[in-house]
Amino acid sequence: MERGIIAFSVAILFLSSTSIVPASAQAAEDPKQPSVDNPHMHLWGTDDLSSCWTHFDSNDSSGSAESGYGEQIFGDGQQVSVDYTCSMQDTFLQDMYLNSNGTIEVDLVVNIWSGDCDQGSECKNLTLTLYQGNIQVAQKEFQAVDNNGNDEMISWDIPVDQNTTRWNKSSEEPRLQVEFSWPGYNGIDCILPFVDCSGSFRMYYENNEDGNDATVNFPVVNMTEAGPNGEGPVDGEDDEGFLPGFGLLAGLGTLALASVTSRSRTEEH
C-alpha cells in the first residue's frame, strides 16, 4: 500500500512539473511580440504624429489613426519641421535574438510638401535613427527625398553586428526616430488669396488604405542560432536548457523511485 502511495506521488510530481512549460512559451505566442515566425515590427500612431508606437501584430491597429497616416500641417511659409520617435507599445517578454549575418530592413512611406533647401536655409534632411533602448544602433540621412507632395518609399538596410545580435527585454526594445526640417514654401504666388502655401509632413502607418509598408523587419532567430554574442540560456531556462526547478523536480523524482525500488527489494527478502 505504502509503495503504491509513493509511486502515485512521483507521478503527480512529474505531471505538475510539465504544467510549467506552457507558461514559458506564452511570450512566443503573443502576436505583439517578436519571434522567428513573426519578425515584422509595424508602425502605428495618431493622426497628428503626436504619438507613434510599434508592435509585431499587423492586425492590431487599436488607437491608431483611422486614416492610416499621421500628418502635421504648417502655416504659409512656416518651417516644415518634425522630430518624433516610434517606440514599442509593450516591453519584450523575452530577449530578441538576431541572425549575426542578417539585415534589419526599415520600410516606410512619407509625403512632404515644403520649400526647397537653398543655401543659407536652416535645413535637416530626412533622418532616421534606430535605437536599441537608449543606444544608437544606426542613423541614415536621406538627401533626395521628394518635397512636392508625392508619396515616397523610404528603404533602409542595417547589417546586424556583434552588438545587435541580442536585444534584452525591458531595456533594449527598438525605437525609430524620424527627423526633418526644411523651409516652408514661400513663392511669389503665395501673395494670391486663393493659393494655399501651407506645408505638411505625413507618414503612413501599417493600416493605410494603399498598402504602403510601415515596418521594421528583424532577422529573428532562435537563441542557439544568434551568433557569438547571442549565446546563453533562453530567459526562463537554466544553463542546461531546462526550466527553473525542473532539475530539482527530476532529482526528487529519481530519489522517490529509488526509494520504491529499495523497499520492494527489502520486502522480497
C-alpha atoms as a PDB file:
ATOM      1  CA  MET A   1       0.000   0.000   0.000  1.00  0.00           C
ATOM      2  CA  GLU A   2       2.788   2.406   1.005  1.00  0.00           C
ATOM      3  CA  ARG A   3       4.675   1.590  -2.189  1.00  0.00           C
ATOM      4  CA  GLY A   4       1.594   2.499  -4.258  1.00  0.00           C
ATOM      5  CA  ILE A   5       1.259   5.846  -2.483  1.00  0.00           C
ATOM      6  CA  ILE A   6       4.892   6.707  -3.205  1.00  0.00           C
ATOM      7  CA  ALA A   7       4.547   5.749  -6.873  1.00  0.00           C
ATOM      8  CA  PHE A   8       1.381   7.845  -7.145  1.00  0.00           C
ATOM      9  CA  SER A   9       3.167  10.820  -5.570  1.00  0.00           C
ATOM     10  CA  VAL A  10       6.009  10.523  -8.080  1.00  0.00           C
ATOM     11  CA  ALA A  11       3.515  10.559 -10.967  1.00  0.00           C
ATOM     12  CA  ILE A  12       1.803  13.671  -9.607  1.00  0.00           C
ATOM     13  CA  LEU A  13       5.211  15.335  -9.181  1.00  0.00           C
ATOM     14  CA  PHE A  14       6.151  14.865 -12.837  1.00  0.00           C
ATOM     15  CA  LEU A  15       2.706  15.805 -14.139  1.00  0.00           C
ATOM     16  CA  SER A  16       2.752  19.053 -12.169  1.00  0.00           C
ATOM     17  CA  SER A  17       6.213  19.882 -13.492  1.00  0.00           C
ATOM     18  CA  THR A  18       5.007  19.725 -17.097  1.00  0.00           C
ATOM     19  CA  SER A  19       2.479  22.467 -16.378  1.00  0.00           C
ATOM     20  CA  ILE A  20       5.368  24.917 -16.200  1.00  0.00           C
ATOM     21  CA  VAL A  21       6.212  24.561 -19.902  1.00  0.00           C
ATOM     22  CA  PRO A  22       3.173  26.241 -21.483  1.00  0.00           C
ATOM     23  CA  ALA A  23       3.645  29.342 -19.296  1.00  0.00           C
ATOM     24  CA  SER A  24       7.169  29.891 -20.565  1.00  0.00           C
ATOM     25  CA  ALA A  25       6.005  29.547 -24.161  1.00  0.00           C
ATOM     26  CA  GLN A  26       3.305  32.192 -23.916  1.00  0.00           C
ATOM     27  CA  ALA A  27       5.645  35.038 -24.885  1.00  0.00           C
ATOM     28  CA  ALA A  28       6.328  33.471 -28.280  1.00  0.00           C
ATOM     29  CA  GLU A  29       2.579  33.056 -28.848  1.00  0.00           C
ATOM     30  CA  ASP A  30       1.796  36.736 -28.220  1.00  0.00           C
ATOM     31  CA  PRO A  31       1.303  38.311 -31.691  1.00  0.00           C
ATOM     32  CA  LYS A  32       2.623  41.660 -30.433  1.00  0.00           C
ATOM     33  CA  GLN A  33       5.960  40.044 -29.569  1.00  0.00           C
ATOM     34  CA  PRO A  34       8.801  39.174 -31.986  1.00  0.00           C
ATOM     35  CA  SER A  35       9.502  35.563 -32.934  1.00  0.00           C
ATOM     36  CA  VAL A  36      11.071  33.568 -35.754  1.00  0.00           C
ATOM     37  CA  ASP A  37       7.659  33.392 -37.454  1.00  0.00           C
ATOM     38  CA  ASN A  38       6.687  36.944 -36.522  1.00  0.00           C
ATOM     39  CA  PRO A  39       9.670  39.225 -37.317  1.00  0.00           C
ATOM     40  CA  HIS A  40       7.931  42.344 -38.676  1.00  0.00           C
ATOM     41  CA  MET A  41       7.554  45.305 -36.335  1.00  0.00           C
ATOM     42  CA  HIS A  42       4.709  47.567 -37.503  1.00  0.00           C
ATOM     43  CA  LEU A  43       4.361  51.332 -37.097  1.00  0.00           C
ATOM     44  CA  TRP A  44       1.196  52.933 -35.705  1.00  0.00           C
ATOM     45  CA  GLY A  45       0.267  56.371 -34.387  1.00  0.00           C
ATOM     46  CA  THR A  46      -2.144  59.273 -34.036  1.00  0.00           C
ATOM     47  CA  ASP A  47      -3.443  61.415 -36.890  1.00  0.00           C
ATOM     48  CA  ASP A  48      -1.228  64.387 -35.905  1.00  0.00           C
ATOM     49  CA  LEU A  49       2.017  62.413 -35.311  1.00  0.00           C
ATOM     50  CA  SER A  50       1.963  63.466 -31.661  1.00  0.00           C
ATOM     51  CA  SER A  51       2.284  59.806 -30.661  1.00  0.00           C
ATOM     52  CA  CYS A  52       3.849  56.909 -32.576  1.00  0.00           C
ATOM     53  CA  TRP A  53       4.228  53.326 -31.368  1.00  0.00           C
ATOM     54  CA  THR A  54       5.172  49.893 -32.649  1.00  0.00           C
ATOM     55  CA  HIS A  55       4.460  46.205 -32.080  1.00  0.00           C
ATOM     56  CA  PHE A  56       4.591  42.971 -34.091  1.00  0.00           C
ATOM     57  CA  ASP A  57       0.864  42.351 -34.697  1.00  0.00           C
ATOM     58  CA  SER A  58      -0.217  43.587 -38.140  1.00  0.00           C
ATOM     59  CA  ASN A  59      -3.883  43.072 -37.245  1.00  0.00           C
ATOM     60  CA  ASP A  60      -3.965  45.197 -34.082  1.00  0.00           C
ATOM     61  CA  SER A  61      -4.400  48.849 -35.057  1.00  0.00           C
ATOM     62  CA  SER A  62      -6.076  49.811 -31.777  1.00  0.00           C
ATOM     63  CA  GLY A  63      -5.773  53.558 -31.167  1.00  0.00           C
ATOM     64  CA  SER A  64      -4.062  54.236 -34.491  1.00  0.00           C
ATOM     65  CA  ALA A  65      -5.417  56.862 -36.897  1.00  0.00           C
ATOM     66  CA  GLU A  66      -8.301  55.509 -38.975  1.00  0.00           C
ATOM     67  CA  SER A  67      -6.962  57.414 -41.985  1.00  0.00           C
ATOM     68  CA  GLY A  68      -3.870  55.202 -41.916  1.00  0.00           C
ATOM     69  CA  TYR A  69      -1.384  58.041 -41.535  1.00  0.00           C
ATOM     70  CA  GLY A  70      -0.207  60.832 -39.259  1.00  0.00           C
ATOM     71  CA  GLU A  71       0.310  64.350 -40.567  1.00  0.00           C
ATOM     72  CA  GLN A  72       1.446  67.738 -39.330  1.00  0.00           C
ATOM     73  CA  ILE A  73       0.347  70.898 -41.163  1.00  0.00           C
ATOM     74  CA  PHE A  74       2.416  74.093 -41.143  1.00  0.00           C
ATOM     75  CA  GLY A  75       1.246  77.641 -41.945  1.00  0.00           C
ATOM     76  CA  ASP A  76       2.180  79.638 -45.025  1.00  0.00           C
ATOM     77  CA  GLY A  77       5.955  79.903 -45.268  1.00  0.00           C
ATOM     78  CA  GLN A  78       6.425  78.209 -41.883  1.00  0.00           C
ATOM     79  CA  GLN A  79       9.354  75.821 -41.401  1.00  0.00           C
ATOM     80  CA  VAL A  80       8.256  72.231 -42.045  1.00  0.00           C
ATOM     81  CA  SER A  81       9.886  70.554 -39.069  1.00  0.00           C
ATOM     82  CA  VAL A  82       9.190  67.246 -37.288  1.00  0.00           C
ATOM     83  CA  ASP A  83      11.041  65.208 -34.680  1.00  0.00           C
ATOM     84  CA  TYR A  84       9.285  62.180 -33.173  1.00  0.00           C
ATOM     85  CA  THR A  85      10.108  58.649 -32.065  1.00  0.00           C
ATOM     86  CA  CYS A  86       8.152  55.421 -32.547  1.00  0.00           C
ATOM     87  CA  SER A  87       8.675  53.138 -29.523  1.00  0.00           C
ATOM     88  CA  MET A  88       7.480  49.652 -28.602  1.00  0.00           C
ATOM     89  CA  GLN A  89       3.997  49.723 -27.106  1.00  0.00           C
ATOM     90  CA  ASP A  90       4.924  46.977 -24.640  1.00  0.00           C
ATOM     91  CA  THR A  91       8.273  45.712 -23.415  1.00  0.00           C
ATOM     92  CA  PHE A  92       9.659  42.422 -24.693  1.00  0.00           C
ATOM     93  CA  LEU A  93       8.578  39.355 -22.715  1.00  0.00           C
ATOM     94  CA  GLN A  94      11.730  37.548 -23.824  1.00  0.00           C
ATOM     95  CA  ASP A  95      15.071  38.662 -25.260  1.00  0.00           C
ATOM     96  CA  MET A  96      15.101  39.031 -29.057  1.00  0.00           C
ATOM     97  CA  TYR A  97      17.944  37.297 -30.926  1.00  0.00           C
ATOM     98  CA  LEU A  98      19.007  38.215 -34.474  1.00  0.00           C
ATOM     99  CA  ASN A  99      20.963  36.384 -37.146  1.00  0.00           C
ATOM    100  CA  SER A 100      24.546  37.673 -36.923  1.00  0.00           C
ATOM    101  CA  ASN A 101      24.708  37.596 -40.738  1.00  0.00           C
ATOM    102  CA  GLY A 102      21.270  39.150 -41.229  1.00  0.00           C
ATOM    103  CA  THR A 103      19.941  42.606 -42.064  1.00  0.00           C
ATOM    104  CA  ILE A 104      17.392  44.832 -40.328  1.00  0.00           C
ATOM    105  CA  GLU A 105      15.100  46.284 -43.019  1.00  0.00           C
ATOM    106  CA  VAL A 106      13.267  49.566 -42.474  1.00  0.00           C
ATOM    107  CA  ASP A 107      10.456  50.407 -44.932  1.00  0.00           C
ATOM    108  CA  LEU A 108       8.101  53.344 -44.638  1.00  0.00           C
ATOM    109  CA  VAL A 109       6.365  55.925 -46.836  1.00  0.00           C
ATOM    110  CA  VAL A 110       6.377  59.687 -46.312  1.00  0.00           C
ATOM    111  CA  ASN A 111       4.708  62.589 -48.116  1.00  0.00           C
ATOM    112  CA  ILE A 112       6.319  66.033 -47.767  1.00  0.00           C
ATOM    113  CA  TRP A 113       5.239  69.440 -49.062  1.00  0.00           C
ATOM    114  CA  SER A 114       7.754  72.188 -48.363  1.00  0.00           C
ATOM    115  CA  GLY A 115      10.020  74.773 -49.935  1.00  0.00           C
ATOM    116  CA  ASP A 116      13.482  73.938 -51.195  1.00  0.00           C
ATOM    117  CA  CYS A 117      16.565  73.783 -49.039  1.00  0.00           C
ATOM    118  CA  ASP A 118      18.563  76.661 -50.553  1.00  0.00           C
ATOM    119  CA  GLN A 119      21.961  77.846 -49.451  1.00  0.00           C
ATOM    120  CA  GLY A 120      21.693  79.677 -46.173  1.00  0.00           C
ATOM    121  CA  SER A 121      18.417  77.969 -45.225  1.00  0.00           C
ATOM    122  CA  GLU A 122      18.024  76.131 -41.952  1.00  0.00           C
ATOM    123  CA  CYS A 123      17.720  72.522 -43.101  1.00  0.00           C
ATOM    124  CA  LYS A 124      17.807  68.993 -41.792  1.00  0.00           C
ATOM    125  CA  ASN A 125      17.299  66.295 -44.390  1.00  0.00           C
ATOM    126  CA  LEU A 126      15.013  63.392 -43.573  1.00  0.00           C
ATOM    127  CA  THR A 127      16.983  61.423 -40.975  1.00  0.00           C
ATOM    128  CA  LEU A 128      16.117  58.036 -39.479  1.00  0.00           C
ATOM    129  CA  THR A 129      17.800  56.732 -36.326  1.00  0.00           C
ATOM    130  CA  LEU A 130      17.368  53.228 -34.933  1.00  0.00           C
ATOM    131  CA  TYR A 131      17.925  52.768 -31.206  1.00  0.00           C
ATOM    132  CA  GLN A 132      18.403  49.661 -29.082  1.00  0.00           C
ATOM    133  CA  GLY A 133      16.850  51.003 -25.917  1.00  0.00           C
ATOM    134  CA  ASN A 134      18.807  54.233 -25.414  1.00  0.00           C
ATOM    135  CA  ILE A 135      21.783  53.121 -27.513  1.00  0.00           C
ATOM    136  CA  GLN A 136      22.012  54.374 -31.084  1.00  0.00           C
ATOM    137  CA  VAL A 137      22.413  51.446 -33.487  1.00  0.00           C
ATOM    138  CA  ALA A 138      22.479  53.265 -36.823  1.00  0.00           C
ATOM    139  CA  GLN A 139      21.490  56.533 -38.471  1.00  0.00           C
ATOM    140  CA  LYS A 140      20.893  57.477 -42.088  1.00  0.00           C
ATOM    141  CA  GLU A 141      20.258  60.803 -43.820  1.00  0.00           C
ATOM    142  CA  PHE A 142      18.118  60.797 -46.985  1.00  0.00           C
ATOM    143  CA  GLN A 143      19.118  63.808 -49.066  1.00  0.00           C
ATOM    144  CA  ALA A 144      16.980  63.398 -52.167  1.00  0.00           C
ATOM    145  CA  VAL A 145      13.510  62.982 -50.689  1.00  0.00           C
ATOM    146  CA  ASP A 146      10.673  64.418 -52.768  1.00  0.00           C
ATOM    147  CA  ASN A 147       9.155  67.564 -51.222  1.00  0.00           C
ATOM    148  CA  ASN A 148       6.409  68.213 -53.790  1.00  0.00           C
ATOM    149  CA  GLY A 149       3.604  66.370 -52.019  1.00  0.00           C
ATOM    150  CA  ASN A 150       4.199  62.941 -53.557  1.00  0.00           C
ATOM    151  CA  ASP A 151       4.286  59.645 -51.662  1.00  0.00           C
ATOM    152  CA  GLU A 152       7.827  58.292 -51.450  1.00  0.00           C
ATOM    153  CA  MET A 153       9.013  54.920 -50.225  1.00  0.00           C
ATOM    154  CA  ILE A 154      11.966  55.043 -47.846  1.00  0.00           C
ATOM    155  CA  SER A 155      14.023  51.837 -47.576  1.00  0.00           C
ATOM    156  CA  TRP A 156      16.995  51.341 -45.284  1.00  0.00           C
ATOM    157  CA  ASP A 157      19.037  48.187 -44.704  1.00  0.00           C
ATOM    158  CA  ILE A 158      21.067  47.889 -41.486  1.00  0.00           C
ATOM    159  CA  PRO A 159      23.538  44.987 -41.188  1.00  0.00           C
ATOM    160  CA  VAL A 160      23.392  43.153 -37.867  1.00  0.00           C
ATOM    161  CA  ASP A 161      26.699  43.427 -35.991  1.00  0.00           C
ATOM    162  CA  GLN A 162      28.136  41.844 -32.842  1.00  0.00           C
ATOM    163  CA  ASN A 163      26.341  44.401 -30.657  1.00  0.00           C
ATOM    164  CA  THR A 164      22.876  43.814 -32.073  1.00  0.00           C
ATOM    165  CA  THR A 165      22.505  40.030 -32.091  1.00  0.00           C
ATOM    166  CA  ARG A 166      20.730  40.196 -28.729  1.00  0.00           C
ATOM    167  CA  TRP A 167      18.110  42.747 -27.630  1.00  0.00           C
ATOM    168  CA  ASN A 168      17.414  42.387 -23.915  1.00  0.00           C
ATOM    169  CA  LYS A 169      13.847  42.529 -22.668  1.00  0.00           C
ATOM    170  CA  SER A 170      12.667  45.545 -20.650  1.00  0.00           C
ATOM    171  CA  SER A 171      15.702  47.686 -21.538  1.00  0.00           C
ATOM    172  CA  GLU A 172      16.679  47.281 -25.205  1.00  0.00           C
ATOM    173  CA  GLU A 173      13.428  47.405 -27.165  1.00  0.00           C
ATOM    174  CA  PRO A 174      13.834  49.049 -30.612  1.00  0.00           C
ATOM    175  CA  ARG A 175      12.929  52.710 -31.188  1.00  0.00           C
ATOM    176  CA  LEU A 176      12.829  54.547 -34.528  1.00  0.00           C
ATOM    177  CA  GLN A 177      13.367  58.323 -34.547  1.00  0.00           C
ATOM    178  CA  VAL A 178      12.201  60.446 -37.517  1.00  0.00           C
ATOM    179  CA  GLU A 179      13.569  63.964 -38.113  1.00  0.00           C
ATOM    180  CA  PHE A 180      13.038  66.501 -40.901  1.00  0.00           C
ATOM    181  CA  SER A 181      13.253  70.295 -41.188  1.00  0.00           C
ATOM    182  CA  TRP A 182      13.058  72.314 -44.413  1.00  0.00           C
ATOM    183  CA  PRO A 183      11.746  75.833 -45.088  1.00  0.00           C
ATOM    184  CA  GLY A 184       8.106  76.246 -45.977  1.00  0.00           C
ATOM    185  CA  TYR A 185       7.064  77.147 -49.495  1.00  0.00           C
ATOM    186  CA  ASN A 186       7.169  80.914 -49.972  1.00  0.00           C
ATOM    187  CA  GLY A 187       6.846  81.527 -53.709  1.00  0.00           C
ATOM    188  CA  ILE A 188       5.613  84.721 -55.319  1.00  0.00           C
ATOM    189  CA  ASP A 189       2.235  83.109 -55.943  1.00  0.00           C
ATOM    190  CA  CYS A 190       1.677  82.939 -52.169  1.00  0.00           C
ATOM    191  CA  ILE A 191       0.503  86.559 -52.270  1.00  0.00           C
ATOM    192  CA  LEU A 192      -2.614  85.442 -54.140  1.00  0.00           C
ATOM    193  CA  PRO A 193      -5.627  84.861 -51.850  1.00  0.00           C
ATOM    194  CA  PHE A 194      -6.617  81.546 -53.427  1.00  0.00           C
ATOM    195  CA  VAL A 195      -3.147  79.936 -53.247  1.00  0.00           C
ATOM    196  CA  ASP A 196      -2.511  77.613 -50.282  1.00  0.00           C
ATOM    197  CA  CYS A 197       1.170  77.751 -49.328  1.00  0.00           C
ATOM    198  CA  SER A 198       0.930  75.736 -46.139  1.00  0.00           C
ATOM    199  CA  GLY A 199       3.452  72.909 -45.698  1.00  0.00           C
ATOM    200  CA  SER A 200       2.955  69.368 -44.475  1.00  0.00           C
ATOM    201  CA  PHE A 201       4.733  66.203 -43.379  1.00  0.00           C
ATOM    202  CA  ARG A 202       2.911  62.876 -43.499  1.00  0.00           C
ATOM    203  CA  MET A 203       3.969  59.336 -42.568  1.00  0.00           C
ATOM    204  CA  TYR A 204       1.832  56.292 -43.308  1.00  0.00           C
ATOM    205  CA  TYR A 205       1.013  53.655 -40.706  1.00  0.00           C
ATOM    206  CA  GLU A 206       0.537  49.923 -41.225  1.00  0.00           C
ATOM    207  CA  ASN A 207      -3.251  50.264 -41.627  1.00  0.00           C
ATOM    208  CA  ASN A 208      -3.093  52.672 -44.609  1.00  0.00           C
ATOM    209  CA  GLU A 209      -5.523  52.038 -47.467  1.00  0.00           C
ATOM    210  CA  ASP A 210      -2.854  51.994 -50.185  1.00  0.00           C
ATOM    211  CA  GLY A 211      -0.938  49.066 -48.708  1.00  0.00           C
ATOM    212  CA  ASN A 212       2.204  51.111 -48.127  1.00  0.00           C
ATOM    213  CA  ASP A 213       4.840  49.481 -45.960  1.00  0.00           C
ATOM    214  CA  ALA A 214       5.317  50.743 -42.429  1.00  0.00           C
ATOM    215  CA  THR A 215       7.575  48.080 -40.966  1.00  0.00           C
ATOM    216  CA  VAL A 216      10.944  47.241 -39.475  1.00  0.00           C
ATOM    217  CA  ASN A 217      11.855  43.656 -40.327  1.00  0.00           C
ATOM    218  CA  PHE A 218      14.239  41.947 -37.888  1.00  0.00           C
ATOM    219  CA  PRO A 219      16.079  38.712 -38.859  1.00  0.00           C
ATOM    220  CA  VAL A 220      14.836  36.934 -35.723  1.00  0.00           C
ATOM    221  CA  VAL A 221      16.343  33.538 -34.914  1.00  0.00           C
ATOM    222  CA  ASN A 222      16.296  31.105 -32.029  1.00  0.00           C
ATOM    223  CA  MET A 223      18.852  31.782 -29.297  1.00  0.00           C
ATOM    224  CA  THR A 224      21.139  28.941 -30.422  1.00  0.00           C
ATOM    225  CA  GLU A 225      21.429  30.470 -33.921  1.00  0.00           C
ATOM    226  CA  ALA A 226      22.132  34.036 -32.836  1.00  0.00           C
ATOM    227  CA  GLY A 227      25.922  34.037 -33.169  1.00  0.00           C
ATOM    228  CA  PRO A 228      28.837  34.629 -30.757  1.00  0.00           C
ATOM    229  CA  ASN A 229      27.266  37.374 -28.648  1.00  0.00           C
ATOM    230  CA  GLY A 230      23.809  35.863 -28.741  1.00  0.00           C
ATOM    231  CA  GLU A 231      24.810  32.778 -26.816  1.00  0.00           C
ATOM    232  CA  GLY A 232      23.442  31.996 -23.369  1.00  0.00           C
ATOM    233  CA  PRO A 233      20.383  30.354 -21.885  1.00  0.00           C
ATOM    234  CA  VAL A 234      16.973  31.487 -23.037  1.00  0.00           C
ATOM    235  CA  ASP A 235      15.186  33.509 -20.366  1.00  0.00           C
ATOM    236  CA  GLY A 236      13.278  31.144 -18.143  1.00  0.00           C
ATOM    237  CA  GLU A 237      15.758  28.311 -18.687  1.00  0.00           C
ATOM    238  CA  ASP A 238      18.923  27.278 -16.877  1.00  0.00           C
ATOM    239  CA  ASP A 239      22.339  26.629 -18.450  1.00  0.00           C
ATOM    240  CA  GLU A 240      21.322  23.126 -19.492  1.00  0.00           C
ATOM    241  CA  GLY A 241      18.201  24.327 -21.276  1.00  0.00           C
ATOM    242  CA  PHE A 242      15.763  23.165 -18.582  1.00  0.00           C
ATOM    243  CA  LEU A 243      13.110  25.253 -16.957  1.00  0.00           C
ATOM    244  CA  PRO A 244      13.806  26.604 -13.444  1.00  0.00           C
ATOM    245  CA  GLY A 245      13.249  23.963 -10.798  1.00  0.00           C
ATOM    246  CA  PHE A 246      12.893  21.178 -13.318  1.00  0.00           C
ATOM    247  CA  GLY A 247      16.254  19.686 -12.364  1.00  0.00           C
ATOM    248  CA  LEU A 248      15.237  19.694  -8.709  1.00  0.00           C
ATOM    249  CA  LEU A 249      11.950  18.003  -9.512  1.00  0.00           C
ATOM    250  CA  ALA A 250      13.730  15.405 -11.625  1.00  0.00           C
ATOM    251  CA  GLY A 251      16.167  14.764  -8.764  1.00  0.00           C
ATOM    252  CA  LEU A 252      13.368  14.338  -6.251  1.00  0.00           C
ATOM    253  CA  GLY A 253      11.611  12.008  -8.652  1.00  0.00           C
ATOM    254  CA  THR A 254      14.734   9.878  -9.000  1.00  0.00           C
ATOM    255  CA  LEU A 255      15.124   9.635  -5.226  1.00  0.00           C
ATOM    256  CA  ALA A 256      11.492   8.670  -4.826  1.00  0.00           C
ATOM    257  CA  LEU A 257      11.779   5.948  -7.458  1.00  0.00           C
ATOM    258  CA  ALA A 258      14.931   4.663  -5.814  1.00  0.00           C
ATOM    259  CA  SER A 259      13.074   4.521  -2.504  1.00  0.00           C
ATOM    260  CA  VAL A 260      10.290   2.484  -4.089  1.00  0.00           C
ATOM    261  CA  THR A 261      12.782   0.041  -5.635  1.00  0.00           C
ATOM    262  CA  SER A 262      14.770  -0.328  -2.416  1.00  0.00           C
ATOM    263  CA  ARG A 263      11.674  -1.040  -0.337  1.00  0.00           C
ATOM    264  CA  SER A 264      10.481  -3.566  -2.878  1.00  0.00           C
ATOM    265  CA  ARG A 265      13.746  -5.469  -2.638  1.00  0.00           C
ATOM    266  CA  THR A 266      13.643  -5.363   1.176  1.00  0.00           C
ATOM    267  CA  GLU A 267      10.145  -6.848   1.256  1.00  0.00           C
ATOM    268  CA  GLU A 268      11.224  -9.608  -1.157  1.00  0.00           C
ATOM    269  CA  HIS A 269      13.961 -10.688   1.272  1.00  0.00           C
END
